[in-house]
């Protein structure tokens, strides 16, 4: 008898208590319609991603180009470029020799022709690249001399040591992200171990790779957190939302600081970046202060929306976090460290490919590009990030090709981290976790009343760890 009393509660239930009930026909039709919409949106997102990526790569030449700039009688400098075949030296070098080819209709303009009268297609040139973009051709000084590498030259001259350095910095950044979420979980009353949170975070990164989409691994993290703490389901989901909010808010603040102290090349970015940072800061102030909330009647407006009671519950938990300044400051501090570390990883990747723009410029590029890539136009920002990196590298005085190459290298490192995260799903209890993530990827709800919420509460002790391996749940929410 005593042995029977010590058996888990899930085993003491009659079979019908753990059997799934078939949803009504209307509910099945609604679920099918929702699944069809998600599938349609996913295909649209993939099409957009491929279009953006094609545009970014179309701007990248396979071969090298020589770019010359000169003026006549102090006039406005003109720029001319032509394909270049290097014979001696590397495109990164200061002294090199190569053959230039161009069609008659693409002959150099008068400003350059006057300085280089013997310049013709098939000429072998001695090229010297000086400081601040200046240089000479066959000993004749010009206002600008630049060798723009093609994709083949970039790949041939890439520094293999840069990828491990960038990967190490990226992995450290993921530890900072995990620490931020772990802190928010404890602050929201959903305690778990740092290692368990890390396992869930890395599994989420893995699902970002194999199931790219608008929600990615964040929805899955919220799902696992809610299942592990059924008595604090809303709080668990809010931690994931707050984690993203703090990250985005800090990113705009870092971008604003970097743009403000950078040179005039990024002057056109100052106003929109300042507006984004000010807007998020103002939104946080309004959300966290009782006066503006009461004046806006925020809870009343939320209550009128579909699933308003759930939104009000989420808002209540968000308010609890907002009223804890130490948690807010620590979350922002970890976010700042994460963005600096990520920028350092991108800086090493750019240097490995041969781009020599400064770390401050990389900080501007990474924060601005990653902020805009978060706009859900394409899965994972694919294609959008490449266009942004290429354009911002060019704005900084660098190469579009190197910007696109850096963005692709960054994606490869994110892919590597995601695959490393896949190992977390192979550990004990990983099968249940994979099932949880797949369910989350289908868009099933993680908050609100559900058939499994009561049974989960009965079989979990107070403040249980997050994760399916520590739960005796017998039905899905």
Protein backbone atom coordinates (compact mmCIF):
# COMPACT_ATOMS: atom_id res chain seq x y z
CA UNK A 1 0.00 0.00 0.00
CA UNK A 2 2.80 2.38 0.88
CA UNK A 3 4.53 1.56 -2.38
CA UNK A 4 1.36 2.41 -4.24
CA UNK A 5 1.10 5.77 -2.48
CA UNK A 6 4.66 6.62 -3.52
CA UNK A 7 3.89 6.08 -7.16
CA UNK A 8 3.83 9.25 -9.34
CA UNK A 9 0.47 10.99 -9.59
CA UNK A 10 0.42 10.48 -13.35
CA UNK A 11 0.36 6.69 -12.88
CA UNK A 12 -2.50 6.85 -10.37
CA UNK A 13 -4.89 8.50 -12.83
CA UNK A 14 -7.41 6.38 -14.68
CA UNK A 15 -6.63 5.93 -18.38
CA UNK A 16 -9.33 8.34 -19.48
CA UNK A 17 -7.65 11.13 -17.51
CA UNK A 18 -4.60 11.04 -19.74
CA UNK A 19 -6.30 10.40 -23.07
CA UNK A 20 -6.55 13.18 -25.58
CA UNK A 21 -10.01 14.29 -26.59
CA UNK A 22 -10.76 15.03 -30.21
CA UNK A 23 -11.28 18.75 -30.81
CA UNK A 24 -14.59 19.87 -32.35
CA UNK A 25 -14.86 20.12 -36.12
CA UNK A 26 -14.87 23.93 -36.02
CA UNK A 27 -11.68 23.93 -33.97
CA UNK A 28 -10.02 21.51 -36.40
CA UNK A 29 -11.01 23.72 -39.32
CA UNK A 30 -9.61 26.77 -37.54
CA UNK A 31 -6.35 24.95 -36.83
CA UNK A 32 -6.08 23.82 -40.45
CA UNK A 33 -6.71 27.36 -41.67
CA UNK A 34 -4.10 28.72 -39.28
CA UNK A 35 -1.57 26.11 -40.41
CA UNK A 36 -2.29 26.96 -44.05
CA UNK A 37 -1.71 30.67 -43.35
CA UNK A 38 1.57 29.97 -41.60
CA UNK A 39 2.71 27.77 -44.49
CA UNK A 40 1.78 30.46 -47.03
CA UNK A 41 3.61 33.15 -45.04
CA UNK A 42 6.67 30.90 -44.73
CA UNK A 43 6.86 30.45 -48.50
CA UNK A 44 6.45 34.19 -49.07
CA UNK A 45 9.25 34.83 -46.59
CA UNK A 46 11.53 32.34 -48.34
CA UNK A 47 10.80 33.97 -51.71
CA UNK A 48 11.63 37.41 -50.31
CA UNK A 49 14.83 36.09 -48.72
CA UNK A 50 16.01 34.58 -52.01
CA UNK A 51 15.18 37.81 -53.87
CA UNK A 52 17.10 39.97 -51.38
CA UNK A 53 20.05 37.57 -51.40
CA UNK A 54 20.12 37.52 -55.21
CA UNK A 55 20.21 41.33 -55.27
CA UNK A 56 23.06 41.45 -52.74
CA UNK A 57 25.13 38.88 -54.62
CA UNK A 58 24.40 40.50 -57.99
CA UNK A 59 26.38 43.54 -56.82
CA UNK A 60 29.43 41.36 -56.15
CA UNK A 61 31.79 40.86 -59.08
CA UNK A 62 33.61 37.57 -59.52
CA UNK A 63 36.75 39.34 -60.76
CA UNK A 64 38.84 42.26 -59.50
CA UNK A 65 38.35 45.85 -60.62
CA UNK A 66 40.66 48.85 -60.67
CA UNK A 67 38.96 52.07 -59.57
CA UNK A 68 40.60 55.40 -60.42
CA UNK A 69 39.54 58.89 -59.39
CA UNK A 70 40.92 62.15 -60.79
CA UNK A 71 39.92 65.77 -61.41
CA UNK A 72 40.85 68.34 -64.02
CA UNK A 73 41.96 71.87 -63.10
CA UNK A 74 40.64 71.49 -59.55
CA UNK A 75 37.19 70.46 -60.72
CA UNK A 76 34.92 67.77 -59.37
CA UNK A 77 36.71 64.39 -59.33
CA UNK A 78 35.35 61.69 -61.62
CA UNK A 79 35.53 57.96 -60.96
CA UNK A 80 36.25 55.25 -63.49
CA UNK A 81 36.63 51.49 -63.07
CA UNK A 82 37.70 48.61 -65.28
CA UNK A 83 38.32 44.86 -64.87
CA UNK A 84 41.82 44.03 -63.61
CA UNK A 85 43.82 40.81 -63.87
CA UNK A 86 46.53 40.78 -61.21
CA UNK A 87 49.95 39.51 -62.28
CA UNK A 88 51.97 40.33 -59.17
CA UNK A 89 50.96 41.01 -55.61
CA UNK A 90 47.75 40.62 -53.66
CA UNK A 91 44.76 42.97 -53.73
CA UNK A 92 45.47 43.75 -50.07
CA UNK A 93 48.99 44.94 -50.89
CA UNK A 94 50.23 48.45 -51.56
CA UNK A 95 52.27 47.60 -54.66
CA UNK A 96 51.00 45.30 -57.40
CA UNK A 97 51.00 44.82 -61.14
CA UNK A 98 48.19 43.79 -63.46
CA UNK A 99 46.56 43.95 -66.88
CA UNK A 100 43.53 46.15 -67.43
CA UNK A 101 40.77 45.39 -69.94
CA UNK A 102 37.88 47.57 -71.11
CA UNK A 103 35.67 48.05 -74.16
CA UNK A 104 36.13 51.14 -76.37
CA UNK A 105 32.81 52.59 -75.24
CA UNK A 106 34.01 52.25 -71.64
CA UNK A 107 37.21 54.23 -72.20
CA UNK A 108 38.41 56.43 -69.32
CA UNK A 109 37.00 59.98 -69.13
CA UNK A 110 39.03 63.01 -70.16
CA UNK A 111 40.10 63.81 -66.58
CA UNK A 112 41.83 60.44 -66.27
CA UNK A 113 42.90 60.22 -69.91
CA UNK A 114 44.76 63.53 -69.59
CA UNK A 115 46.86 62.12 -66.73
CA UNK A 116 47.30 58.67 -68.29
CA UNK A 117 47.41 59.27 -72.07
CA UNK A 118 48.90 55.83 -72.77
CA UNK A 119 46.20 53.98 -70.85
CA UNK A 120 44.56 51.45 -73.16
CA UNK A 121 42.88 48.08 -73.00
CA UNK A 122 45.44 45.35 -72.44
CA UNK A 123 47.94 47.67 -70.75
CA UNK A 124 50.08 46.29 -67.93
CA UNK A 125 50.05 48.77 -65.07
CA UNK A 126 52.20 49.22 -61.99
CA UNK A 127 49.78 50.14 -59.24
CA UNK A 128 50.63 51.77 -55.93
CA UNK A 129 47.89 52.24 -53.32
CA UNK A 130 48.69 55.03 -50.87
CA UNK A 131 47.16 56.35 -47.69
CA UNK A 132 43.63 57.78 -47.51
CA UNK A 133 42.69 56.15 -50.81
CA UNK A 134 45.25 57.99 -52.91
CA UNK A 135 47.85 56.31 -55.11
CA UNK A 136 49.61 56.24 -58.44
CA UNK A 137 49.56 54.42 -61.77
CA UNK A 138 52.99 53.95 -63.40
CA UNK A 139 54.32 56.66 -61.09
CA UNK A 140 51.61 59.22 -61.94
CA UNK A 141 49.70 60.47 -58.89
CA UNK A 142 45.90 60.33 -58.89
CA UNK A 143 43.26 61.50 -56.43
CA UNK A 144 42.17 57.93 -55.82
CA UNK A 145 43.44 54.44 -56.60
CA UNK A 146 41.62 51.37 -55.32
CA UNK A 147 41.63 47.68 -56.15
CA UNK A 148 38.19 46.25 -55.47
CA UNK A 149 38.45 42.50 -55.02
CA UNK A 150 36.12 40.04 -56.64
CA UNK A 151 34.65 37.05 -54.88
CA UNK A 152 37.43 34.72 -56.02
CA UNK A 153 40.18 36.99 -54.68
CA UNK A 154 38.36 37.45 -51.37
CA UNK A 155 38.10 33.71 -50.84
CA UNK A 156 41.70 33.05 -51.89
CA UNK A 157 43.16 35.66 -49.54
CA UNK A 158 40.88 35.03 -46.54
CA UNK A 159 42.64 34.56 -43.21
CA UNK A 160 41.60 31.19 -41.81
CA UNK A 161 42.45 32.26 -38.25
CA UNK A 162 39.63 34.82 -38.24
CA UNK A 163 36.79 32.29 -38.25
CA UNK A 164 37.77 30.60 -34.95
CA UNK A 165 38.23 33.99 -33.29
CA UNK A 166 34.83 35.14 -34.49
CA UNK A 167 33.22 31.88 -33.41
CA UNK A 168 34.73 32.15 -29.93
CA UNK A 169 33.39 35.70 -29.54
CA UNK A 170 29.97 34.63 -30.80
CA UNK A 171 29.77 31.73 -28.34
CA UNK A 172 30.71 34.06 -25.49
CA UNK A 173 27.91 36.38 -26.66
CA UNK A 174 25.43 33.49 -26.43
CA UNK A 175 26.53 32.91 -22.82
CA UNK A 176 25.72 36.55 -22.08
CA UNK A 177 22.30 36.17 -23.71
CA UNK A 178 21.62 33.05 -21.68
CA UNK A 179 22.64 34.80 -18.46
CA UNK A 180 20.21 37.62 -19.23
CA UNK A 181 17.32 35.21 -19.75
CA UNK A 182 18.27 33.18 -16.65
CA UNK A 183 18.22 36.41 -14.61
CA UNK A 184 14.77 37.31 -15.97
CA UNK A 185 13.47 33.82 -15.20
CA UNK A 186 14.49 34.14 -11.56
CA UNK A 187 13.09 37.67 -11.34
CA UNK A 188 9.75 36.44 -12.73
CA UNK A 189 9.50 33.61 -10.20
CA UNK A 190 10.48 30.83 -12.63
CA UNK A 191 13.82 29.71 -11.19
CA UNK A 192 16.01 27.17 -12.95
CA UNK A 193 19.70 26.39 -13.09
CA UNK A 194 21.96 28.39 -15.39
CA UNK A 195 23.03 25.20 -17.20
CA UNK A 196 19.43 24.13 -17.79
CA UNK A 197 18.62 27.56 -19.23
CA UNK A 198 21.73 27.27 -21.40
CA UNK A 199 20.58 23.92 -22.72
CA UNK A 200 17.19 25.34 -23.69
CA UNK A 201 18.81 28.43 -25.25
CA UNK A 202 21.15 26.36 -27.40
CA UNK A 203 18.38 23.99 -28.43
CA UNK A 204 16.43 27.07 -29.50
CA UNK A 205 19.40 28.20 -31.60
CA UNK A 206 19.43 24.77 -33.23
CA UNK A 207 15.74 25.07 -34.13
CA UNK A 208 16.46 28.52 -35.56
CA UNK A 209 18.69 26.69 -38.05
CA UNK A 210 16.48 23.75 -39.01
CA UNK A 211 13.14 25.59 -38.79
CA UNK A 212 13.86 29.20 -39.82
CA UNK A 213 10.89 31.47 -39.44
CA UNK A 214 9.58 34.66 -37.94
CA UNK A 215 9.30 33.30 -34.38
CA UNK A 216 12.39 31.10 -34.45
CA UNK A 217 13.55 29.61 -31.19
CA UNK A 218 12.03 32.33 -29.00
CA UNK A 219 8.54 30.85 -29.12
CA UNK A 220 10.02 27.47 -28.29
CA UNK A 221 11.88 28.87 -25.29
CA UNK A 222 8.64 30.38 -24.04
CA UNK A 223 6.91 27.04 -24.54
CA UNK A 224 9.49 25.10 -22.52
CA UNK A 225 9.55 27.73 -19.78
CA UNK A 226 5.75 27.70 -19.52
CA UNK A 227 5.62 23.89 -19.36
CA UNK A 228 8.24 23.82 -16.61
CA UNK A 229 6.34 26.37 -14.48
CA UNK A 230 2.61 25.79 -15.07
CA UNK A 231 1.69 27.94 -12.07
CA UNK A 232 3.64 30.84 -13.67
CA UNK A 233 2.89 30.24 -17.34
CA UNK A 234 2.42 33.92 -18.20
CA UNK A 235 5.56 34.89 -16.29
CA UNK A 236 7.62 32.32 -18.18
CA UNK A 237 6.46 33.63 -21.56
CA UNK A 238 7.01 37.26 -20.53
CA UNK A 239 10.67 36.51 -19.78
CA UNK A 240 11.22 35.61 -23.43
CA UNK A 241 9.49 38.80 -24.62
CA UNK A 242 11.42 40.91 -22.10
CA UNK A 243 14.65 39.24 -23.19
CA UNK A 244 14.10 40.41 -26.76
CA UNK A 245 12.93 43.87 -25.71
CA UNK A 246 16.03 44.51 -23.59
CA UNK A 247 18.25 43.25 -26.39
CA UNK A 248 16.65 45.49 -29.02
CA UNK A 249 16.54 48.51 -26.71
CA UNK A 250 20.22 48.16 -25.82
CA UNK A 251 21.12 47.66 -29.49
CA UNK A 252 19.58 50.99 -30.48
CA UNK A 253 21.36 52.73 -27.59
CA UNK A 254 24.73 51.26 -28.61
CA UNK A 255 24.06 52.23 -32.23
CA UNK A 256 23.22 55.79 -31.15
CA UNK A 257 26.42 56.12 -29.11
CA UNK A 258 28.56 54.68 -31.92
CA UNK A 259 26.97 56.84 -34.64
CA UNK A 260 27.28 59.97 -32.49
CA UNK A 261 31.06 59.65 -32.08
CA UNK A 262 31.83 58.28 -35.56
CA UNK A 263 32.90 60.39 -38.54
CA UNK A 264 30.62 62.16 -40.99
CA UNK A 265 30.25 59.09 -43.18
CA UNK A 266 27.42 57.90 -40.94
CA UNK A 267 25.85 61.33 -40.48
CA UNK A 268 22.74 60.32 -42.42
CA UNK A 269 22.11 57.56 -39.87
CA UNK A 270 22.14 59.77 -36.79
CA UNK A 271 18.57 61.03 -36.99
CA UNK A 272 16.84 57.67 -37.65
CA UNK A 273 18.99 55.87 -35.06
CA UNK A 274 18.30 58.61 -32.50
CA UNK A 275 14.58 58.39 -33.27
CA UNK A 276 14.59 54.60 -32.78
CA UNK A 277 16.50 54.82 -29.49
CA UNK A 278 14.32 57.66 -28.21
CA UNK A 279 11.15 55.86 -29.27
CA UNK A 280 12.03 52.65 -27.43
CA UNK A 281 13.15 54.59 -24.35
CA UNK A 282 9.93 56.61 -24.34
CA UNK A 283 7.87 53.45 -24.79
CA UNK A 284 9.59 51.89 -21.78
CA UNK A 285 9.01 54.97 -19.64
CA UNK A 286 5.32 55.06 -20.57
CA UNK A 287 4.94 51.34 -19.96
CA UNK A 288 6.71 51.29 -16.59
CA UNK A 289 5.14 54.42 -15.02
CA UNK A 290 1.67 54.19 -13.51
CA UNK A 291 0.63 57.74 -14.49
CA UNK A 292 0.96 57.36 -18.28
CA UNK A 293 -0.55 53.86 -18.11
CA UNK A 294 -3.60 55.16 -16.26
CA UNK A 295 -3.97 58.10 -18.64
CA UNK A 296 -3.76 55.76 -21.66
CA UNK A 297 -6.12 53.26 -19.94
CA UNK A 298 -3.76 50.55 -21.11
CA UNK A 299 -5.34 47.63 -19.26
CA UNK A 300 -8.83 48.57 -20.46
CA UNK A 301 -7.61 48.67 -24.06
CA UNK A 302 -5.87 45.31 -23.68
CA UNK A 303 -9.02 43.79 -22.20
CA UNK A 304 -11.00 44.71 -25.33
CA UNK A 305 -8.58 42.92 -27.65
CA UNK A 306 -8.97 39.25 -28.64
CA UNK A 307 -7.70 37.07 -25.78
CA UNK A 308 -7.66 40.23 -23.69
CA UNK A 309 -7.57 38.40 -20.36
CA UNK A 310 -4.35 36.67 -21.38
CA UNK A 311 -2.82 39.98 -22.52
CA UNK A 312 -3.77 41.61 -19.22
CA UNK A 313 -2.11 38.75 -17.36
CA UNK A 314 1.04 39.12 -19.45
CA UNK A 315 0.99 42.86 -18.87
CA UNK A 316 0.75 42.33 -15.12
CA UNK A 317 3.88 40.17 -15.14
CA UNK A 318 5.67 42.67 -17.35
CA UNK A 319 4.87 45.36 -14.81
CA UNK A 320 6.38 43.25 -12.05
CA UNK A 321 9.66 43.11 -13.98
CA UNK A 322 9.55 46.79 -14.93
CA UNK A 323 9.29 47.80 -11.27
CA UNK A 324 12.60 46.10 -10.44
CA UNK A 325 15.33 48.58 -11.47
CA UNK A 326 18.22 46.26 -10.59
CA UNK A 327 16.85 43.63 -12.95
CA UNK A 328 16.37 46.21 -15.69
CA UNK A 329 19.89 47.62 -15.29
CA UNK A 330 21.50 44.17 -15.18
CA UNK A 331 19.58 43.09 -18.28
CA UNK A 332 20.66 46.22 -20.15
CA UNK A 333 24.26 45.77 -18.99
CA UNK A 334 24.36 42.18 -20.24
CA UNK A 335 22.80 43.35 -23.51
CA UNK A 336 25.47 46.03 -23.96
CA UNK A 337 28.19 43.43 -23.38
CA UNK A 338 26.51 41.09 -25.86
CA UNK A 339 26.38 43.71 -28.62
CA UNK A 340 30.03 44.71 -28.11
CA UNK A 341 31.08 41.05 -28.20
CA UNK A 342 29.03 40.38 -31.34
CA UNK A 343 30.58 43.44 -33.00
CA UNK A 344 34.02 42.12 -32.06
CA UNK A 345 33.19 38.80 -33.74
CA UNK A 346 32.06 40.62 -36.90
CA UNK A 347 35.18 42.84 -36.76
CA UNK A 348 37.44 39.77 -36.78
CA UNK A 349 35.49 38.25 -39.65
CA UNK A 350 35.81 41.46 -41.68
CA UNK A 351 39.54 41.65 -40.97
CA UNK A 352 39.93 38.02 -41.95
CA UNK A 353 38.37 38.79 -45.34
CA UNK A 354 40.62 41.81 -45.80
CA UNK A 355 38.41 44.78 -44.83
CA UNK A 356 40.27 47.37 -42.75
CA UNK A 357 37.50 49.62 -41.46
CA UNK A 358 37.69 50.43 -37.75
CA UNK A 359 35.99 48.67 -34.84
CA UNK A 360 33.86 51.77 -34.21
CA UNK A 361 32.57 51.60 -37.77
CA UNK A 362 31.89 47.87 -37.37
CA UNK A 363 29.99 48.65 -34.16
CA UNK A 364 27.76 51.05 -36.10
CA UNK A 365 27.30 48.59 -38.96
CA UNK A 366 26.54 45.56 -36.78
CA UNK A 367 24.03 47.28 -34.51
CA UNK A 368 22.20 49.10 -37.32
CA UNK A 369 22.15 46.07 -39.63
CA UNK A 370 21.07 43.63 -36.92
CA UNK A 371 18.34 46.00 -35.72
CA UNK A 372 16.87 46.37 -39.21
CA UNK A 373 17.31 42.65 -39.92
CA UNK A 374 14.97 41.97 -37.01
CA UNK A 375 12.10 43.37 -39.11
CA UNK A 376 10.24 40.21 -40.20
CA UNK A 377 10.62 40.54 -43.96
CA UNK A 378 12.45 37.25 -44.54
CA UNK A 379 13.29 34.21 -42.40
CA UNK A 380 16.23 35.06 -40.18
CA UNK A 381 16.75 38.33 -42.09
CA UNK A 382 18.39 36.35 -44.92
CA UNK A 383 19.20 38.64 -47.83
CA UNK A 384 18.19 41.73 -45.85
CA UNK A 385 21.32 41.47 -43.71
CA UNK A 386 23.54 41.03 -46.77
CA UNK A 387 22.13 44.17 -48.42
CA UNK A 388 22.51 46.15 -45.19
CA UNK A 389 26.07 44.97 -44.55
CA UNK A 390 27.07 45.66 -48.14
CA UNK A 391 25.55 49.15 -48.15
CA UNK A 392 26.91 50.10 -44.72
CA UNK A 393 30.39 48.82 -45.55
CA UNK A 394 30.31 50.96 -48.69
CA UNK A 395 29.09 53.93 -46.63
CA UNK A 396 32.06 53.44 -44.30
CA UNK A 397 34.46 53.58 -47.24
CA UNK A 398 34.80 49.82 -47.58
CA UNK A 399 33.73 47.32 -50.20
CA UNK A 400 30.21 46.08 -50.89
CA UNK A 401 31.64 42.65 -51.69
CA UNK A 402 33.47 42.47 -48.37
CA UNK A 403 30.34 43.59 -46.55
CA UNK A 404 28.28 40.83 -48.15
CA UNK A 405 31.08 38.35 -47.50
CA UNK A 406 31.24 39.35 -43.84
CA UNK A 407 27.49 38.95 -43.48
CA UNK A 408 27.61 35.47 -45.03
CA UNK A 409 30.53 34.50 -42.78
CA UNK A 410 28.52 35.74 -39.79
CA UNK A 411 25.62 33.53 -40.88
CA UNK A 412 27.95 30.54 -41.16
CA UNK A 413 29.06 31.10 -37.59
CA UNK A 414 25.45 31.40 -36.41
CA UNK A 415 24.82 28.12 -38.23
CA UNK A 416 27.79 26.53 -36.46
CA UNK A 417 26.52 27.66 -33.05
CA UNK A 418 23.07 26.34 -33.93
CA UNK A 419 24.50 22.95 -34.86
CA UNK A 420 26.44 22.90 -31.60
CA UNK A 421 23.13 23.63 -29.90
CA UNK A 422 21.73 20.54 -31.58
CA UNK A 423 23.93 18.47 -29.30
CA UNK A 424 21.80 19.68 -26.38
CA UNK A 425 18.83 17.82 -27.84
CA UNK A 426 20.85 14.59 -27.84
CA UNK A 427 21.43 14.65 -24.08
CA UNK A 428 19.16 12.66 -21.72
CA UNK A 429 15.61 13.94 -22.01
CA UNK A 430 16.36 15.43 -25.41
CA UNK A 431 13.62 13.47 -27.17
CA UNK A 432 10.92 15.14 -25.09
CA UNK A 433 12.53 18.54 -25.62
CA UNK A 434 12.62 18.06 -29.39
CA UNK A 435 8.92 17.22 -29.31
CA UNK A 436 8.26 20.39 -27.31
CA UNK A 437 10.16 22.55 -29.79
CA UNK A 438 8.39 21.01 -32.77
CA UNK A 439 5.04 21.72 -31.14
CA UNK A 440 6.11 25.31 -30.51
CA UNK A 441 7.23 25.66 -34.13
CA UNK A 442 3.67 24.72 -35.17
CA UNK A 443 2.42 27.79 -33.32
CA UNK A 444 0.50 26.05 -30.55
CA UNK A 445 -0.30 28.32 -27.58
CA UNK A 446 1.84 28.47 -24.45
CA UNK A 447 -0.37 30.61 -22.22
CA UNK A 448 -3.97 30.54 -21.18
CA UNK A 449 -6.18 27.69 -20.11
CA UNK A 450 -5.43 24.38 -21.75
CA UNK A 451 -6.33 20.77 -21.20
CA UNK A 452 -2.92 19.97 -19.82
CA UNK A 453 -2.43 22.88 -17.48
CA UNK A 454 -4.22 21.33 -14.55
CA UNK A 455 -2.58 17.93 -14.80
CA UNK A 456 0.83 19.58 -15.12
CA UNK A 457 0.23 21.58 -11.98
CA UNK A 458 -0.70 18.45 -10.09
CA UNK A 459 2.43 16.58 -11.06
CA UNK A 460 5.01 19.34 -10.53
CA UNK A 461 6.31 20.54 -7.22
CA UNK A 462 6.65 24.21 -6.28
CA UNK A 463 9.08 26.19 -8.44
CA UNK A 464 10.11 23.17 -10.57
CA UNK A 465 13.07 23.38 -12.93
CA UNK A 466 12.37 24.28 -16.53
CA UNK A 467 12.50 21.46 -19.03
CA UNK A 468 10.52 18.38 -19.95
CA UNK A 469 12.99 15.97 -18.40
CA UNK A 470 12.08 17.28 -14.94
CA UNK A 471 8.31 17.10 -15.48
CA UNK A 472 5.78 14.30 -15.11
CA UNK A 473 3.33 15.92 -17.48
CA UNK A 474 0.98 13.45 -19.12
CA UNK A 475 -0.81 15.66 -21.64
CA UNK A 476 0.18 18.53 -23.89
CA UNK A 477 -1.14 22.01 -23.22
